[in-house]
Amino acid sequence: MGGLIINAADGFALAMLGMILLSWTILFLLFWTMRRLAAKRDPQVDALLEELEESDKPCLSNRPPARKKRADWERNSDWWKS
């Protein structure tokens, strides 16, 4: 009769191909969703990030750094010179 013969090994191979196709589909949907959401970024967030970058820049003042007040039990930084 010439019927189609499918054994257990063929079923396993088809199941593995289905799982691979399913995993690739899930990855594609995740990346597509991430790309779509990244395109909808709020312009206020960009402005806030730029403002934060500018505020992180060091001030160009001529003042020397403030000295820390030492506790009574601490030695001078050059105690070994004397």
PDB file of N, CA and C in Angstrom:
ATOM      1  N   MET A   1       0.776  -1.190   0.000  1.00  0.00           N
ATOM      2  CA  MET A   1       0.000   0.000   0.000  1.00  0.00           C
ATOM      3  C   MET A   1       0.828   1.270   0.000  1.00  0.00           C
ATOM      4  N   GLY A   2       2.011   1.302   0.345  1.00  0.00           N
ATOM      5  CA  GLY A   2       2.868   2.480   0.244  1.00  0.00           C
ATOM      6  C   GLY A   2       2.467   3.605   1.188  1.00  0.00           C
ATOM      7  N   GLY A   3       2.070   3.256   2.380  1.00  0.00           N
ATOM      8  CA  GLY A   3       1.669   4.265   3.356  1.00  0.00           C
ATOM      9  C   GLY A   3       2.886   4.972   3.961  1.00  0.00           C
ATOM     10  N   LEU A   4       2.637   6.050   4.606  1.00  0.00           N
ATOM     11  CA  LEU A   4       3.695   6.817   5.261  1.00  0.00           C
ATOM     12  C   LEU A   4       4.045   6.142   6.575  1.00  0.00           C
ATOM     13  N   ILE A   5       5.319   5.799   6.725  1.00  0.00           N
ATOM     14  CA  ILE A   5       5.771   5.109   7.932  1.00  0.00           C
ATOM     15  C   ILE A   5       6.520   6.120   8.802  1.00  0.00           C
ATOM     16  N   ILE A   6       6.031   6.336  10.018  1.00  0.00           N
ATOM     17  CA  ILE A   6       6.686   7.233  10.976  1.00  0.00           C
ATOM     18  C   ILE A   6       6.985   6.421  12.222  1.00  0.00           C
ATOM     19  N   ASN A   7       8.235   6.401  12.595  1.00  0.00           N
ATOM     20  CA  ASN A   7       8.596   5.673  13.812  1.00  0.00           C
ATOM     21  C   ASN A   7       8.859   6.663  14.951  1.00  0.00           C
ATOM     22  N   ALA A   8       9.270   6.168  16.108  1.00  0.00           N
ATOM     23  CA  ALA A   8       9.457   6.985  17.307  1.00  0.00           C
ATOM     24  C   ALA A   8      10.589   7.998  17.129  1.00  0.00           C
ATOM     25  N   ALA A   9      11.633   7.626  16.385  1.00  0.00           N
ATOM     26  CA  ALA A   9      12.758   8.548  16.185  1.00  0.00           C
ATOM     27  C   ALA A   9      12.314   9.753  15.366  1.00  0.00           C
ATOM     28  N   ASP A  10      11.470   9.543  14.378  1.00  0.00           N
ATOM     29  CA  ASP A  10      10.977  10.669  13.593  1.00  0.00           C
ATOM     30  C   ASP A  10      10.088  11.583  14.432  1.00  0.00           C
ATOM     31  N   GLY A  11       9.293  11.017  15.298  1.00  0.00           N
ATOM     32  CA  GLY A  11       8.453  11.819  16.178  1.00  0.00           C
ATOM     33  C   GLY A  11       9.280  12.660  17.129  1.00  0.00           C
ATOM     34  N   PHE A  12      10.363  12.072  17.649  1.00  0.00           N
ATOM     35  CA  PHE A  12      11.264  12.810  18.542  1.00  0.00           C
ATOM     36  C   PHE A  12      11.926  13.963  17.792  1.00  0.00           C
ATOM     37  N   ALA A  13      12.388  13.717  16.564  1.00  0.00           N
ATOM     38  CA  ALA A  13      13.039  14.760  15.770  1.00  0.00           C
ATOM     39  C   ALA A  13      12.051  15.888  15.463  1.00  0.00           C
ATOM     40  N   LEU A  14      10.808  15.535  15.113  1.00  0.00           N
ATOM     41  CA  LEU A  14       9.809  16.566  14.843  1.00  0.00           C
ATOM     42  C   LEU A  14       9.476  17.363  16.106  1.00  0.00           C
ATOM     43  N   ALA A  15       9.433  16.702  17.248  1.00  0.00           N
ATOM     44  CA  ALA A  15       9.175  17.404  18.505  1.00  0.00           C
ATOM     45  C   ALA A  15      10.317  18.370  18.837  1.00  0.00           C
ATOM     46  N   MET A  16      11.556  17.952  18.595  1.00  0.00           N
ATOM     47  CA  MET A  16      12.699  18.833  18.841  1.00  0.00           C
ATOM     48  C   MET A  16      12.686  20.024  17.892  1.00  0.00           C
ATOM     49  N   LEU A  17      12.340  19.814  16.643  1.00  0.00           N
ATOM     50  CA  LEU A  17      12.237  20.932  15.706  1.00  0.00           C
ATOM     51  C   LEU A  17      11.137  21.898  16.143  1.00  0.00           C
ATOM     52  N   GLY A  18      10.035  21.369  16.641  1.00  0.00           N
ATOM     53  CA  GLY A  18       8.964  22.223  17.152  1.00  0.00           C
ATOM     54  C   GLY A  18       9.416  23.037  18.353  1.00  0.00           C
ATOM     55  N   MET A  19      10.181  22.430  19.252  1.00  0.00           N
ATOM     56  CA  MET A  19      10.685  23.156  20.429  1.00  0.00           C
ATOM     57  C   MET A  19      11.675  24.243  20.022  1.00  0.00           C
ATOM     58  N   ILE A  20      12.518  23.936  19.046  1.00  0.00           N
ATOM     59  CA  ILE A  20      13.469  24.947  18.565  1.00  0.00           C
ATOM     60  C   ILE A  20      12.722  26.119  17.938  1.00  0.00           C
ATOM     61  N   LEU A  21      11.719  25.814  17.122  1.00  0.00           N
ATOM     62  CA  LEU A  21      10.921  26.874  16.507  1.00  0.00           C
ATOM     63  C   LEU A  21      10.205  27.703  17.572  1.00  0.00           C
ATOM     64  N   LEU A  22       9.674  27.063  18.591  1.00  0.00           N
ATOM     65  CA  LEU A  22       9.010  27.773  19.676  1.00  0.00           C
ATOM     66  C   LEU A  22       9.976  28.679  20.427  1.00  0.00           C
ATOM     67  N   SER A  23      11.180  28.192  20.720  1.00  0.00           N
ATOM     68  CA  SER A  23      12.148  29.014  21.459  1.00  0.00           C
ATOM     69  C   SER A  23      12.606  30.208  20.625  1.00  0.00           C
ATOM     70  N   TRP A  24      12.838  30.015  19.332  1.00  0.00           N
ATOM     71  CA  TRP A  24      13.230  31.131  18.468  1.00  0.00           C
ATOM     72  C   TRP A  24      12.092  32.153  18.365  1.00  0.00           C
ATOM     73  N   THR A  25      10.860  31.692  18.345  1.00  0.00           N
ATOM     74  CA  THR A  25       9.718  32.601  18.292  1.00  0.00           C
ATOM     75  C   THR A  25       9.629  33.432  19.563  1.00  0.00           C
ATOM     76  N   ILE A  26       9.843  32.819  20.699  1.00  0.00           N
ATOM     77  CA  ILE A  26       9.806  33.546  21.977  1.00  0.00           C
ATOM     78  C   ILE A  26      10.921  34.589  22.034  1.00  0.00           C
ATOM     79  N   LEU A  27      12.122  34.210  21.607  1.00  0.00           N
ATOM     80  CA  LEU A  27      13.228  35.176  21.594  1.00  0.00           C
ATOM     81  C   LEU A  27      12.935  36.338  20.658  1.00  0.00           C
ATOM     82  N   PHE A  28      12.383  36.037  19.482  1.00  0.00           N
ATOM     83  CA  PHE A  28      12.039  37.096  18.539  1.00  0.00           C
ATOM     84  C   PHE A  28      11.013  38.045  19.150  1.00  0.00           C
ATOM     85  N   LEU A  29       9.987  37.513  19.808  1.00  0.00           N
ATOM     86  CA  LEU A  29       8.971  38.362  20.414  1.00  0.00           C
ATOM     87  C   LEU A  29       9.533  39.210  21.551  1.00  0.00           C
ATOM     88  N   LEU A  30      10.456  38.661  22.328  1.00  0.00           N
ATOM     89  CA  LEU A  30      11.083  39.437  23.405  1.00  0.00           C
ATOM     90  C   LEU A  30      11.885  40.607  22.845  1.00  0.00           C
ATOM     91  N   PHE A  31      12.711  40.342  21.827  1.00  0.00           N
ATOM     92  CA  PHE A  31      13.524  41.410  21.244  1.00  0.00           C
ATOM     93  C   PHE A  31      12.654  42.445  20.537  1.00  0.00           C
ATOM     94  N   TRP A  32      11.596  42.004  19.880  1.00  0.00           N
ATOM     95  CA  TRP A  32      10.693  42.925  19.200  1.00  0.00           C
ATOM     96  C   TRP A  32       9.999  43.832  20.210  1.00  0.00           C
ATOM     97  N   THR A  33       9.577  43.270  21.330  1.00  0.00           N
ATOM     98  CA  THR A  33       8.921  44.057  22.367  1.00  0.00           C
ATOM     99  C   THR A  33       9.889  45.057  22.992  1.00  0.00           C
ATOM    100  N   MET A  34      11.112  44.634  23.251  1.00  0.00           N
ATOM    101  CA  MET A  34      12.112  45.542  23.829  1.00  0.00           C
ATOM    102  C   MET A  34      12.399  46.697  22.871  1.00  0.00           C
ATOM    103  N   ARG A  35      12.506  46.401  21.592  1.00  0.00           N
ATOM    104  CA  ARG A  35      12.789  47.450  20.608  1.00  0.00           C
ATOM    105  C   ARG A  35      11.620  48.427  20.521  1.00  0.00           C
ATOM    106  N   ARG A  36      10.406  47.907  20.542  1.00  0.00           N
ATOM    107  CA  ARG A  36       9.232  48.761  20.451  1.00  0.00           C
ATOM    108  C   ARG A  36       9.121  49.668  21.678  1.00  0.00           C
ATOM    109  N   LEU A  37       9.397  49.118  22.863  1.00  0.00           N
ATOM    110  CA  LEU A  37       9.317  49.931  24.079  1.00  0.00           C
ATOM    111  C   LEU A  37      10.449  50.949  24.160  1.00  0.00           C
ATOM    112  N   ALA A  38      11.610  50.620  23.623  1.00  0.00           N
ATOM    113  CA  ALA A  38      12.728  51.564  23.638  1.00  0.00           C
ATOM    114  C   ALA A  38      12.445  52.745  22.716  1.00  0.00           C
ATOM    115  N   ALA A  39      11.672  52.531  21.664  1.00  0.00           N
ATOM    116  CA  ALA A  39      11.339  53.621  20.748  1.00  0.00           C
ATOM    117  C   ALA A  39      10.368  54.603  21.394  1.00  0.00           C
ATOM    118  N   LYS A  40       9.602  54.187  22.390  1.00  0.00           N
ATOM    119  CA  LYS A  40       8.619  55.036  23.053  1.00  0.00           C
ATOM    120  C   LYS A  40       9.192  55.736  24.279  1.00  0.00           C
ATOM    121  N   ARG A  41      10.474  55.930  24.327  1.00  0.00           N
ATOM    122  CA  ARG A  41      11.110  56.511  25.499  1.00  0.00           C
ATOM    123  C   ARG A  41      10.645  57.942  25.721  1.00  0.00           C
ATOM    124  N   ASP A  42      10.434  58.300  26.957  1.00  0.00           N
ATOM    125  CA  ASP A  42       9.916  59.606  27.336  1.00  0.00           C
ATOM    126  C   ASP A  42      11.009  60.664  27.182  1.00  0.00           C
ATOM    127  N   PRO A  43      10.736  61.777  26.508  1.00  0.00           N
ATOM    128  CA  PRO A  43      11.768  62.819  26.353  1.00  0.00           C
ATOM    129  C   PRO A  43      12.159  63.463  27.685  1.00  0.00           C
ATOM    130  N   GLN A  44      11.273  63.419  28.680  1.00  0.00           N
ATOM    131  CA  GLN A  44      11.627  63.985  29.981  1.00  0.00           C
ATOM    132  C   GLN A  44      12.730  63.177  30.647  1.00  0.00           C
ATOM    133  N   VAL A  45      12.767  61.876  30.374  1.00  0.00           N
ATOM    134  CA  VAL A  45      13.823  61.038  30.942  1.00  0.00           C
ATOM    135  C   VAL A  45      15.165  61.439  30.347  1.00  0.00           C
ATOM    136  N   ASP A  46      15.200  61.701  29.036  1.00  0.00           N
ATOM    137  CA  ASP A  46      16.446  62.132  28.405  1.00  0.00           C
ATOM    138  C   ASP A  46      16.924  63.466  28.977  1.00  0.00           C
ATOM    139  N   ALA A  47      15.989  64.386  29.191  1.00  0.00           N
ATOM    140  CA  ALA A  47      16.360  65.694  29.758  1.00  0.00           C
ATOM    141  C   ALA A  47      16.901  65.524  31.172  1.00  0.00           C
ATOM    142  N   LEU A  48      16.291  64.647  31.950  1.00  0.00           N
ATOM    143  CA  LEU A  48      16.758  64.409  33.315  1.00  0.00           C
ATOM    144  C   LEU A  48      18.152  63.787  33.317  1.00  0.00           C
ATOM    145  N   LEU A  49      18.395  62.844  32.412  1.00  0.00           N
ATOM    146  CA  LEU A  49      19.721  62.226  32.342  1.00  0.00           C
ATOM    147  C   LEU A  49      20.794  63.236  31.948  1.00  0.00           C
ATOM    148  N   GLU A  50      20.470  64.133  31.010  1.00  0.00           N
ATOM    149  CA  GLU A  50      21.431  65.167  30.631  1.00  0.00           C
ATOM    150  C   GLU A  50      21.708  66.105  31.802  1.00  0.00           C
ATOM    151  N   GLU A  51      20.672  66.453  32.550  1.00  0.00           N
ATOM    152  CA  GLU A  51      20.849  67.330  33.709  1.00  0.00           C
ATOM    153  C   GLU A  51      21.724  66.663  34.768  1.00  0.00           C
ATOM    154  N   LEU A  52      21.543  65.368  34.968  1.00  0.00           N
ATOM    155  CA  LEU A  52      22.363  64.657  35.942  1.00  0.00           C
ATOM    156  C   LEU A  52      23.818  64.588  35.502  1.00  0.00           C
ATOM    157  N   GLU A  53      24.051  64.401  34.203  1.00  0.00           N
ATOM    158  CA  GLU A  53      25.433  64.368  33.709  1.00  0.00           C
ATOM    159  C   GLU A  53      26.120  65.707  33.923  1.00  0.00           C
ATOM    160  N   GLU A  54      25.394  66.801  33.691  1.00  0.00           N
ATOM    161  CA  GLU A  54      25.988  68.127  33.890  1.00  0.00           C
ATOM    162  C   GLU A  54      26.258  68.408  35.357  1.00  0.00           C
ATOM    163  N   SER A  55      25.412  67.922  36.238  1.00  0.00           N
ATOM    164  CA  SER A  55      25.620  68.184  37.659  1.00  0.00           C
ATOM    165  C   SER A  55      26.750  67.331  38.228  1.00  0.00           C
ATOM    166  N   ASP A  56      27.108  66.244  37.562  1.00  0.00           N
ATOM    167  CA  ASP A  56      28.202  65.403  38.036  1.00  0.00           C
ATOM    168  C   ASP A  56      29.573  65.974  37.693  1.00  0.00           C
ATOM    169  N   LYS A  57      29.628  66.949  36.797  1.00  0.00           N
ATOM    170  CA  LYS A  57      30.907  67.547  36.439  1.00  0.00           C
ATOM    171  C   LYS A  57      31.451  68.305  37.643  1.00  0.00           C
ATOM    172  N   PRO A  58      32.767  68.238  37.885  1.00  0.00           N
ATOM    173  CA  PRO A  58      33.329  68.929  39.062  1.00  0.00           C
ATOM    174  C   PRO A  58      33.277  70.446  38.883  1.00  0.00           C
ATOM    175  N   CYS A  59      33.099  71.145  39.973  1.00  0.00           N
ATOM    176  CA  CYS A  59      33.101  72.600  39.966  1.00  0.00           C
ATOM    177  C   CYS A  59      34.531  73.087  39.772  1.00  0.00           C
ATOM    178  N   LEU A  60      34.678  74.131  39.002  1.00  0.00           N
ATOM    179  CA  LEU A  60      36.010  74.665  38.730  1.00  0.00           C
ATOM    180  C   LEU A  60      36.280  75.869  39.626  1.00  0.00           C
ATOM    181  N   SER A  61      36.174  75.682  40.896  1.00  0.00           N
ATOM    182  CA  SER A  61      36.433  76.782  41.829  1.00  0.00           C
ATOM    183  C   SER A  61      37.897  76.714  42.266  1.00  0.00           C
ATOM    184  N   ASN A  62      38.391  77.840  42.745  1.00  0.00           N
ATOM    185  CA  ASN A  62      39.789  77.934  43.164  1.00  0.00           C
ATOM    186  C   ASN A  62      39.973  77.622  44.633  1.00  0.00           C
ATOM    187  N   ARG A  63      38.922  77.193  45.293  1.00  0.00           N
ATOM    188  CA  ARG A  63      39.035  76.904  46.710  1.00  0.00           C
ATOM    189  C   ARG A  63      39.756  75.588  46.929  1.00  0.00           C
ATOM    190  N   PRO A  64      40.659  75.542  47.886  1.00  0.00           N
ATOM    191  CA  PRO A  64      41.290  74.249  48.204  1.00  0.00           C
ATOM    192  C   PRO A  64      40.280  73.351  48.907  1.00  0.00           C
ATOM    193  N   PRO A  65      40.495  72.066  48.838  1.00  0.00           N
ATOM    194  CA  PRO A  65      39.562  71.169  49.518  1.00  0.00           C
ATOM    195  C   PRO A  65      39.588  71.386  51.023  1.00  0.00           C
ATOM    196  N   ALA A  66      38.455  71.254  51.637  1.00  0.00           N
ATOM    197  CA  ALA A  66      38.348  71.475  53.078  1.00  0.00           C
ATOM    198  C   ALA A  66      39.077  70.372  53.829  1.00  0.00           C
ATOM    199  N   ARG A  67      39.775  70.771  54.906  1.00  0.00           N
ATOM    200  CA  ARG A  67      40.495  69.776  55.705  1.00  0.00           C
ATOM    201  C   ARG A  67      39.526  69.099  56.656  1.00  0.00           C
ATOM    202  N   LYS A  68      39.767  67.827  56.862  1.00  0.00           N
ATOM    203  CA  LYS A  68      38.955  67.103  57.833  1.00  0.00           C
ATOM    204  C   LYS A  68      39.458  67.428  59.235  1.00  0.00           C
ATOM    205  N   LYS A  69      38.543  67.529  60.133  1.00  0.00           N
ATOM    206  CA  LYS A  69      38.936  67.773  61.512  1.00  0.00           C
ATOM    207  C   LYS A  69      39.396  66.460  62.124  1.00  0.00           C
ATOM    208  N   ARG A  70      40.590  66.498  62.734  1.00  0.00           N
ATOM    209  CA  ARG A  70      41.176  65.305  63.334  1.00  0.00           C
ATOM    210  C   ARG A  70      40.670  65.097  64.738  1.00  0.00           C
ATOM    211  N   ALA A  71      40.578  63.851  65.072  1.00  0.00           N
ATOM    212  CA  ALA A  71      40.271  63.526  66.469  1.00  0.00           C
ATOM    213  C   ALA A  71      41.543  63.691  67.293  1.00  0.00           C
ATOM    214  N   ASP A  72      41.420  63.793  68.614  1.00  0.00           N
ATOM    215  CA  ASP A  72      42.578  64.023  69.478  1.00  0.00           C
ATOM    216  C   ASP A  72      43.580  62.874  69.433  1.00  0.00           C
ATOM    217  N   TRP A  73      43.118  61.673  69.197  1.00  0.00           N
ATOM    218  CA  TRP A  73      44.007  60.526  69.252  1.00  0.00           C
ATOM    219  C   TRP A  73      44.751  60.299  67.932  1.00  0.00           C
ATOM    220  N   GLU A  74      44.401  61.016  66.862  1.00  0.00           N
ATOM    221  CA  GLU A  74      45.063  60.808  65.569  1.00  0.00           C
ATOM    222  C   GLU A  74      46.356  61.608  65.494  1.00  0.00           C
ATOM    223  N   ARG A  75      47.334  61.051  64.792  1.00  0.00           N
ATOM    224  CA  ARG A  75      48.609  61.734  64.606  1.00  0.00           C
ATOM    225  C   ARG A  75      48.560  62.626  63.371  1.00  0.00           C
ATOM    226  N   ASN A  76      49.560  63.509  63.273  1.00  0.00           N
ATOM    227  CA  ASN A  76      49.731  64.295  62.056  1.00  0.00           C
ATOM    228  C   ASN A  76      50.105  63.374  60.911  1.00  0.00           C
ATOM    229  N   SER A  77      49.844  63.822  59.689  1.00  0.00           N
ATOM    230  CA  SER A  77      50.163  62.974  58.545  1.00  0.00           C
ATOM    231  C   SER A  77      51.666  62.841  58.346  1.00  0.00           C
ATOM    232  N   ASP A  78      52.469  63.754  58.867  1.00  0.00           N
ATOM    233  CA  ASP A  78      53.922  63.664  58.718  1.00  0.00           C
ATOM    234  C   ASP A  78      54.610  63.340  60.046  1.00  0.00           C
ATOM    235  N   TRP A  79      54.021  62.538  60.862  1.00  0.00           N
ATOM    236  CA  TRP A  79      54.557  62.214  62.172  1.00  0.00           C
ATOM    237  C   TRP A  79      55.893  61.479  62.073  1.00  0.00           C
ATOM    238  N   TRP A  80      56.118  60.793  61.009  1.00  0.00           N
ATOM    239  CA  TRP A  80      57.346  60.009  60.859  1.00  0.00           C
ATOM    240  C   TRP A  80      58.535  60.863  60.492  1.00  0.00           C
ATOM    241  N   LYS A  81      58.330  62.131  60.060  1.00  0.00           N
ATOM    242  CA  LYS A  81      59.435  62.994  59.674  1.00  0.00           C
ATOM    243  C   LYS A  81      60.187  63.532  60.874  1.00  0.00           C
ATOM    244  N   SER A  82      59.559  63.663  62.007  1.00  0.00           N
ATOM    245  CA  SER A  82      60.209  64.284  63.152  1.00  0.00           C
ATOM    246  C   SER A  82      60.969  63.292  63.989  1.00  0.00           C
TER     247      SER A  82
END
